[in-house]
């Protein structure tokens, strides 16, 4: 029998008026064990009042959390419906941009990320963001994904991608460099002269709009994009 745990549980219940769940967590035993050990202990009126206050505060906090989560989900659903409507009425730039993202983009709930090594694709995707969503340059982030071969010309490559996207220096994030392992027996020369470029926009409205358009054009529904 867990004599020490039982005595500790009873002491917490009697002196602190702790809840059964709280005691189980602090002692490290099951709720059913604690319930049996403290069944005969009567709480004082003050302890009852304190316990009720804690329960009310917790329930209120959780209720607020659930409400916020539900509101955010409803907001994402509204943005997706907006995207579905646009997919039926918008021009080729919007449709092509959404399809390009479907094929090459990173699927995140609140941010849109597109990575490619083709300068024309990157240029087109930035045009899609600007013209279809009126995204300002200050919102766009550009990250270069480089390889060991690129280290000597890192600055030139970063400048190249900024020029391709037509973005100012302020949009440039720290480049990611994939350095070869010192144990590598074969140092291959990378075939991508400028590495790859990632365009990111942290706007829930934009990415959920695109998710909605993709589902409308593709004729399917993906609940996971709402969660």
C-alpha atoms as a PDB file:
ATOM      1  CA  UNK A   1       0.000   0.000   0.000  1.00  0.00           C
ATOM      2  CA  UNK A   2       1.261   3.514  -0.824  1.00  0.00           C
ATOM      3  CA  UNK A   3       1.351   4.726   2.770  1.00  0.00           C
ATOM      4  CA  UNK A   4       3.500   7.810   2.164  1.00  0.00           C
ATOM      5  CA  UNK A   5       1.431   8.944  -0.838  1.00  0.00           C
ATOM      6  CA  UNK A   6      -1.812   8.355   1.074  1.00  0.00           C
ATOM      7  CA  UNK A   7      -0.654  10.439   4.041  1.00  0.00           C
ATOM      8  CA  UNK A   8       0.519  13.254   1.775  1.00  0.00           C
ATOM      9  CA  UNK A   9      -2.765  13.232  -0.130  1.00  0.00           C
ATOM     10  CA  UNK A  10      -4.801  13.434   3.074  1.00  0.00           C
ATOM     11  CA  UNK A  11      -2.626  16.260   4.408  1.00  0.00           C
ATOM     12  CA  UNK A  12      -3.048  18.306   1.211  1.00  0.00           C
ATOM     13  CA  UNK A  13      -6.796  17.790   1.313  1.00  0.00           C
ATOM     14  CA  UNK A  14      -7.158  18.636   4.990  1.00  0.00           C
ATOM     15  CA  UNK A  15      -4.747  21.576   5.340  1.00  0.00           C
ATOM     16  CA  UNK A  16      -4.957  23.179   1.878  1.00  0.00           C
ATOM     17  CA  UNK A  17      -8.378  22.088   0.725  1.00  0.00           C
ATOM     18  CA  UNK A  18      -6.774  21.019  -2.563  1.00  0.00           C
ATOM     19  CA  UNK A  19      -8.939  19.459  -5.254  1.00  0.00           C
ATOM     20  CA  UNK A  20      -8.729  15.733  -5.920  1.00  0.00           C
ATOM     21  CA  UNK A  21      -7.263  16.293  -9.395  1.00  0.00           C
ATOM     22  CA  UNK A  22      -4.665  18.693  -8.030  1.00  0.00           C
ATOM     23  CA  UNK A  23      -3.669  16.232  -5.303  1.00  0.00           C
ATOM     24  CA  UNK A  24      -3.366  13.382  -7.815  1.00  0.00           C
ATOM     25  CA  UNK A  25      -1.092  15.530  -9.983  1.00  0.00           C
ATOM     26  CA  UNK A  26       1.107  16.647  -7.082  1.00  0.00           C
ATOM     27  CA  UNK A  27       1.391  13.243  -5.425  1.00  0.00           C
ATOM     28  CA  UNK A  28       1.757  11.321  -8.682  1.00  0.00           C
ATOM     29  CA  UNK A  29      -1.075   8.841  -8.283  1.00  0.00           C
ATOM     30  CA  UNK A  30      -4.429   8.240  -9.941  1.00  0.00           C
ATOM     31  CA  UNK A  31      -7.521  10.338  -9.267  1.00  0.00           C
ATOM     32  CA  UNK A  32      -9.426   7.236  -8.148  1.00  0.00           C
ATOM     33  CA  UNK A  33      -6.781   6.478  -5.505  1.00  0.00           C
ATOM     34  CA  UNK A  34      -6.937  10.005  -4.090  1.00  0.00           C
ATOM     35  CA  UNK A  35     -10.730   9.945  -4.101  1.00  0.00           C
ATOM     36  CA  UNK A  36     -10.751   6.836  -1.932  1.00  0.00           C
ATOM     37  CA  UNK A  37      -8.082   8.134   0.446  1.00  0.00           C
ATOM     38  CA  UNK A  38      -9.732  11.493   1.220  1.00  0.00           C
ATOM     39  CA  UNK A  39     -13.396  10.509   1.054  1.00  0.00           C
ATOM     40  CA  UNK A  40     -13.919  10.956   4.790  1.00  0.00           C
ATOM     41  CA  UNK A  41     -12.288  14.403   5.018  1.00  0.00           C
ATOM     42  CA  UNK A  42     -14.744  17.283   5.191  1.00  0.00           C
ATOM     43  CA  UNK A  43     -13.630  20.642   3.855  1.00  0.00           C
ATOM     44  CA  UNK A  44     -14.231  23.821   5.842  1.00  0.00           C
ATOM     45  CA  UNK A  45     -16.614  26.451   4.435  1.00  0.00           C
ATOM     46  CA  UNK A  46     -13.627  28.612   3.476  1.00  0.00           C
ATOM     47  CA  UNK A  47     -11.968  25.709   1.676  1.00  0.00           C
ATOM     48  CA  UNK A  48     -15.198  24.954  -0.205  1.00  0.00           C
ATOM     49  CA  UNK A  49     -15.468  28.598  -1.267  1.00  0.00           C
ATOM     50  CA  UNK A  50     -11.839  28.749  -2.430  1.00  0.00           C
ATOM     51  CA  UNK A  51     -12.251  25.526  -4.417  1.00  0.00           C
ATOM     52  CA  UNK A  52     -15.367  26.835  -6.143  1.00  0.00           C
ATOM     53  CA  UNK A  53     -13.622  30.087  -7.028  1.00  0.00           C
ATOM     54  CA  UNK A  54     -10.720  28.189  -8.599  1.00  0.00           C
ATOM     55  CA  UNK A  55     -13.124  26.053 -10.633  1.00  0.00           C
ATOM     56  CA  UNK A  56     -15.069  29.090 -11.862  1.00  0.00           C
ATOM     57  CA  UNK A  57     -11.874  30.923 -12.862  1.00  0.00           C
ATOM     58  CA  UNK A  58     -10.556  27.844 -14.693  1.00  0.00           C
ATOM     59  CA  UNK A  59     -13.819  27.220 -16.516  1.00  0.00           C
ATOM     60  CA  UNK A  60     -14.030  30.870 -17.499  1.00  0.00           C
ATOM     61  CA  UNK A  61     -10.474  30.802 -18.822  1.00  0.00           C
ATOM     62  CA  UNK A  62     -11.067  27.617 -20.811  1.00  0.00           C
ATOM     63  CA  UNK A  63     -14.370  28.956 -22.114  1.00  0.00           C
ATOM     64  CA  UNK A  64     -12.583  32.063 -23.366  1.00  0.00           C
ATOM     65  CA  UNK A  65      -9.851  29.972 -24.986  1.00  0.00           C
ATOM     66  CA  UNK A  66     -12.367  27.754 -26.776  1.00  0.00           C
ATOM     67  CA  UNK A  67     -14.336  30.779 -27.928  1.00  0.00           C
ATOM     68  CA  UNK A  68     -11.222  32.425 -29.354  1.00  0.00           C
ATOM     69  CA  UNK A  69     -10.261  29.216 -31.160  1.00  0.00           C
ATOM     70  CA  UNK A  70     -13.773  28.899 -32.604  1.00  0.00           C
ATOM     71  CA  UNK A  71     -13.726  32.525 -33.762  1.00  0.00           C
ATOM     72  CA  UNK A  72     -10.364  32.085 -35.474  1.00  0.00           C
ATOM     73  CA  UNK A  73     -11.581  28.931 -37.212  1.00  0.00           C
ATOM     74  CA  UNK A  74     -14.721  30.726 -38.405  1.00  0.00           C
ATOM     75  CA  UNK A  75     -12.530  33.528 -39.734  1.00  0.00           C
ATOM     76  CA  UNK A  76     -10.382  31.058 -41.685  1.00  0.00           C
ATOM     77  CA  UNK A  77     -13.538  29.445 -43.097  1.00  0.00           C
ATOM     78  CA  UNK A  78     -14.775  32.856 -44.254  1.00  0.00           C
ATOM     79  CA  UNK A  79     -11.475  33.562 -46.016  1.00  0.00           C
ATOM     80  CA  UNK A  80     -11.678  30.178 -47.743  1.00  0.00           C
ATOM     81  CA  UNK A  81     -15.195  30.927 -48.963  1.00  0.00           C
ATOM     82  CA  UNK A  82     -13.887  34.217 -50.311  1.00  0.00           C
ATOM     83  CA  UNK A  83     -11.209  32.266 -52.197  1.00  0.00           C
ATOM     84  CA  UNK A  84     -13.802  29.887 -53.624  1.00  0.00           C
ATOM     85  CA  UNK A  85     -15.798  32.840 -54.953  1.00  0.00           C
ATOM     86  CA  UNK A  86     -12.709  34.434 -56.463  1.00  0.00           C
ATOM     87  CA  UNK A  87     -11.763  31.158 -58.153  1.00  0.00           C
ATOM     88  CA  UNK A  88     -15.040  31.318 -60.086  1.00  0.00           C
ATOM     89  CA  UNK A  89     -14.719  34.948 -61.154  1.00  0.00           C
ATOM     90  CA  UNK A  90     -11.074  36.046 -61.075  1.00  0.00           C
ATOM     91  CA  UNK A  91      -8.762  36.192 -64.058  1.00  0.00           C
ATOM     92  CA  UNK A  92      -5.922  33.905 -65.161  1.00  0.00           C
ATOM     93  CA  UNK A  93      -3.290  35.579 -62.947  1.00  0.00           C
ATOM     94  CA  UNK A  94      -5.186  34.636 -59.791  1.00  0.00           C
ATOM     95  CA  UNK A  95      -5.912  31.080 -60.922  1.00  0.00           C
ATOM     96  CA  UNK A  96      -2.337  30.499 -62.099  1.00  0.00           C
ATOM     97  CA  UNK A  97      -0.910  31.895 -58.861  1.00  0.00           C
ATOM     98  CA  UNK A  98      -3.093  29.609 -56.754  1.00  0.00           C
ATOM     99  CA  UNK A  99      -2.162  26.569 -58.832  1.00  0.00           C
ATOM    100  CA  UNK A 100       1.522  27.443 -58.609  1.00  0.00           C
ATOM    101  CA  UNK A 101       1.244  27.642 -54.839  1.00  0.00           C
ATOM    102  CA  UNK A 102      -0.626  24.325 -54.734  1.00  0.00           C
ATOM    103  CA  UNK A 103       2.258  22.669 -56.585  1.00  0.00           C
ATOM    104  CA  UNK A 104       5.247  24.407 -54.999  1.00  0.00           C
ATOM    105  CA  UNK A 105       4.083  26.219 -51.852  1.00  0.00           C
ATOM    106  CA  UNK A 106       4.469  25.383 -48.186  1.00  0.00           C
ATOM    107  CA  UNK A 107       1.061  24.671 -46.654  1.00  0.00           C
ATOM    108  CA  UNK A 108       0.875  26.576 -43.353  1.00  0.00           C
ATOM    109  CA  UNK A 109      -2.249  27.846 -41.593  1.00  0.00           C
ATOM    110  CA  UNK A 110      -1.244  31.489 -41.182  1.00  0.00           C
ATOM    111  CA  UNK A 111       1.581  32.061 -43.643  1.00  0.00           C
ATOM    112  CA  UNK A 112       2.156  31.589 -47.344  1.00  0.00           C
ATOM    113  CA  UNK A 113       5.596  30.352 -48.469  1.00  0.00           C
ATOM    114  CA  UNK A 114       6.767  29.710 -51.999  1.00  0.00           C
ATOM    115  CA  UNK A 115      10.215  28.309 -52.848  1.00  0.00           C
ATOM    116  CA  UNK A 116      11.709  27.876 -56.306  1.00  0.00           C
ATOM    117  CA  UNK A 117      14.930  28.106 -58.312  1.00  0.00           C
ATOM    118  CA  UNK A 118      13.299  29.546 -61.443  1.00  0.00           C
ATOM    119  CA  UNK A 119      13.599  33.361 -61.501  1.00  0.00           C
ATOM    120  CA  UNK A 120      10.530  33.722 -63.733  1.00  0.00           C
ATOM    121  CA  UNK A 121       8.386  31.700 -61.335  1.00  0.00           C
ATOM    122  CA  UNK A 122       9.546  33.799 -58.389  1.00  0.00           C
ATOM    123  CA  UNK A 123       8.888  37.010 -60.318  1.00  0.00           C
ATOM    124  CA  UNK A 124       5.427  35.778 -61.312  1.00  0.00           C
ATOM    125  CA  UNK A 125       4.535  34.745 -57.760  1.00  0.00           C
ATOM    126  CA  UNK A 126       5.428  38.161 -56.363  1.00  0.00           C
ATOM    127  CA  UNK A 127       3.304  39.748 -59.097  1.00  0.00           C
ATOM    128  CA  UNK A 128       0.429  37.462 -58.069  1.00  0.00           C
ATOM    129  CA  UNK A 129       0.695  38.647 -54.448  1.00  0.00           C
ATOM    130  CA  UNK A 130       0.859  42.310 -55.370  1.00  0.00           C
ATOM    131  CA  UNK A 131      -1.912  42.421 -57.939  1.00  0.00           C
ATOM    132  CA  UNK A 132      -4.380  39.895 -56.523  1.00  0.00           C
ATOM    133  CA  UNK A 133      -4.015  40.724 -52.825  1.00  0.00           C
ATOM    134  CA  UNK A 134      -2.513  44.225 -52.884  1.00  0.00           C
ATOM    135  CA  UNK A 135       0.362  42.983 -50.727  1.00  0.00           C
ATOM    136  CA  UNK A 136       2.885  45.719 -49.990  1.00  0.00           C
ATOM    137  CA  UNK A 137       6.626  45.104 -50.196  1.00  0.00           C
ATOM    138  CA  UNK A 138       7.022  45.713 -46.463  1.00  0.00           C
ATOM    139  CA  UNK A 139       5.009  42.542 -45.777  1.00  0.00           C
ATOM    140  CA  UNK A 140       7.019  40.252 -48.078  1.00  0.00           C
ATOM    141  CA  UNK A 141      10.079  38.373 -46.830  1.00  0.00           C
ATOM    142  CA  UNK A 142      12.730  36.882 -49.123  1.00  0.00           C
ATOM    143  CA  UNK A 143      15.131  34.142 -48.006  1.00  0.00           C
ATOM    144  CA  UNK A 144      17.921  32.631 -50.124  1.00  0.00           C
ATOM    145  CA  UNK A 145      18.626  28.932 -49.708  1.00  0.00           C
ATOM    146  CA  UNK A 146      22.251  28.459 -50.697  1.00  0.00           C
ATOM    147  CA  UNK A 147      24.847  25.691 -50.908  1.00  0.00           C
ATOM    148  CA  UNK A 148      28.550  25.493 -50.091  1.00  0.00           C
ATOM    149  CA  UNK A 149      29.453  26.445 -53.666  1.00  0.00           C
ATOM    150  CA  UNK A 150      27.668  29.771 -53.212  1.00  0.00           C
ATOM    151  CA  UNK A 151      29.475  31.072 -50.136  1.00  0.00           C
ATOM    152  CA  UNK A 152      32.006  33.145 -52.067  1.00  0.00           C
ATOM    153  CA  UNK A 153      29.224  34.924 -53.949  1.00  0.00           C
ATOM    154  CA  UNK A 154      26.482  34.949 -51.334  1.00  0.00           C
ATOM    155  CA  UNK A 155      25.996  38.711 -51.471  1.00  0.00           C
ATOM    156  CA  UNK A 156      25.699  38.731 -55.263  1.00  0.00           C
ATOM    157  CA  UNK A 157      23.133  35.922 -55.168  1.00  0.00           C
ATOM    158  CA  UNK A 158      21.051  37.739 -52.558  1.00  0.00           C
ATOM    159  CA  UNK A 159      21.126  40.852 -54.712  1.00  0.00           C
ATOM    160  CA  UNK A 160      20.123  38.775 -57.742  1.00  0.00           C
ATOM    161  CA  UNK A 161      16.962  37.463 -56.070  1.00  0.00           C
ATOM    162  CA  UNK A 162      16.004  40.866 -54.701  1.00  0.00           C
ATOM    163  CA  UNK A 163      16.241  42.274 -58.222  1.00  0.00           C
ATOM    164  CA  UNK A 164      14.212  39.374 -59.639  1.00  0.00           C
ATOM    165  CA  UNK A 165      11.422  39.953 -57.122  1.00  0.00           C
ATOM    166  CA  UNK A 166      11.710  43.729 -57.324  1.00  0.00           C
ATOM    167  CA  UNK A 167      12.038  43.981 -53.550  1.00  0.00           C
ATOM    168  CA  UNK A 168      14.073  46.367 -51.390  1.00  0.00           C
ATOM    169  CA  UNK A 169      16.918  45.280 -49.120  1.00  0.00           C
ATOM    170  CA  UNK A 170      14.638  45.490 -46.081  1.00  0.00           C
ATOM    171  CA  UNK A 171      12.744  42.405 -47.279  1.00  0.00           C
ATOM    172  CA  UNK A 172      15.846  40.183 -47.178  1.00  0.00           C
ATOM    173  CA  UNK A 173      16.098  37.643 -44.345  1.00  0.00           C
ATOM    174  CA  UNK A 174      19.217  35.780 -43.271  1.00  0.00           C
ATOM    175  CA  UNK A 175      20.207  33.250 -45.926  1.00  0.00           C
ATOM    176  CA  UNK A 176      20.198  29.540 -45.211  1.00  0.00           C
ATOM    177  CA  UNK A 177      23.484  27.874 -46.244  1.00  0.00           C
ATOM    178  CA  UNK A 178      23.799  24.101 -46.651  1.00  0.00           C
ATOM    179  CA  UNK A 179      27.487  23.458 -45.954  1.00  0.00           C
ATOM    180  CA  UNK A 180      28.971  20.120 -46.984  1.00  0.00           C
ATOM    181  CA  UNK A 181      29.963  17.772 -44.187  1.00  0.00           C
ATOM    182  CA  UNK A 182      33.698  17.628 -43.486  1.00  0.00           C
ATOM    183  CA  UNK A 183      33.386  13.845 -43.760  1.00  0.00           C
ATOM    184  CA  UNK A 184      31.993  14.001 -47.266  1.00  0.00           C
ATOM    185  CA  UNK A 185      34.236  12.152 -49.691  1.00  0.00           C
ATOM    186  CA  UNK A 186      32.791  13.815 -52.743  1.00  0.00           C
ATOM    187  CA  UNK A 187      32.291  17.562 -53.032  1.00  0.00           C
ATOM    188  CA  UNK A 188      29.803  17.963 -55.849  1.00  0.00           C
ATOM    189  CA  UNK A 189      29.285  21.273 -57.555  1.00  0.00           C
ATOM    190  CA  UNK A 190      25.699  22.396 -57.163  1.00  0.00           C
ATOM    191  CA  UNK A 191      23.721  22.614 -60.373  1.00  0.00           C
ATOM    192  CA  UNK A 192      21.600  25.553 -59.206  1.00  0.00           C
ATOM    193  CA  UNK A 193      23.746  28.640 -59.867  1.00  0.00           C
ATOM    194  CA  UNK A 194      21.614  30.853 -57.604  1.00  0.00           C
ATOM    195  CA  UNK A 195      20.297  28.261 -55.154  1.00  0.00           C
ATOM    196  CA  UNK A 196      16.611  28.686 -54.398  1.00  0.00           C
ATOM    197  CA  UNK A 197      14.539  31.640 -53.257  1.00  0.00           C
ATOM    198  CA  UNK A 198      11.715  31.547 -50.717  1.00  0.00           C
ATOM    199  CA  UNK A 199       8.992  34.193 -50.713  1.00  0.00           C
ATOM    200  CA  UNK A 200       6.992  34.419 -47.474  1.00  0.00           C
ATOM    201  CA  UNK A 201       3.929  36.413 -46.435  1.00  0.00           C
ATOM    202  CA  UNK A 202       2.522  36.033 -42.919  1.00  0.00           C
ATOM    203  CA  UNK A 203      -1.113  36.830 -43.621  1.00  0.00           C
ATOM    204  CA  UNK A 204      -3.862  34.391 -42.636  1.00  0.00           C
ATOM    205  CA  UNK A 205      -6.304  36.078 -45.012  1.00  0.00           C
ATOM    206  CA  UNK A 206      -4.071  35.449 -48.018  1.00  0.00           C
ATOM    207  CA  UNK A 207      -3.125  31.825 -47.419  1.00  0.00           C
ATOM    208  CA  UNK A 208      -6.672  30.784 -46.456  1.00  0.00           C
ATOM    209  CA  UNK A 209      -8.037  32.580 -49.517  1.00  0.00           C
ATOM    210  CA  UNK A 210      -5.647  30.570 -51.685  1.00  0.00           C
ATOM    211  CA  UNK A 211      -6.608  27.345 -49.878  1.00  0.00           C
ATOM    212  CA  UNK A 212     -10.250  28.045 -50.698  1.00  0.00           C
ATOM    213  CA  UNK A 213      -9.486  28.708 -54.359  1.00  0.00           C
ATOM    214  CA  UNK A 214      -7.443  25.515 -54.659  1.00  0.00           C
ATOM    215  CA  UNK A 215     -10.319  23.448 -53.256  1.00  0.00           C
ATOM    216  CA  UNK A 216     -12.828  25.134 -55.562  1.00  0.00           C
ATOM    217  CA  UNK A 217     -10.717  24.596 -58.672  1.00  0.00           C
ATOM    218  CA  UNK A 218      -9.700  21.072 -57.661  1.00  0.00           C
ATOM    219  CA  UNK A 219     -13.240  20.048 -56.721  1.00  0.00           C
ATOM    220  CA  UNK A 220     -12.440  18.792 -53.232  1.00  0.00           C
ATOM    221  CA  UNK A 221     -12.638  19.826 -49.574  1.00  0.00           C
ATOM    222  CA  UNK A 222      -9.728  19.526 -47.154  1.00  0.00           C
ATOM    223  CA  UNK A 223     -10.759  20.121 -43.541  1.00  0.00           C
ATOM    224  CA  UNK A 224      -7.139  19.939 -42.362  1.00  0.00           C
ATOM    225  CA  UNK A 225      -6.473  23.346 -43.950  1.00  0.00           C
ATOM    226  CA  UNK A 226      -8.999  24.870 -41.546  1.00  0.00           C
ATOM    227  CA  UNK A 227      -7.509  23.423 -38.372  1.00  0.00           C
END
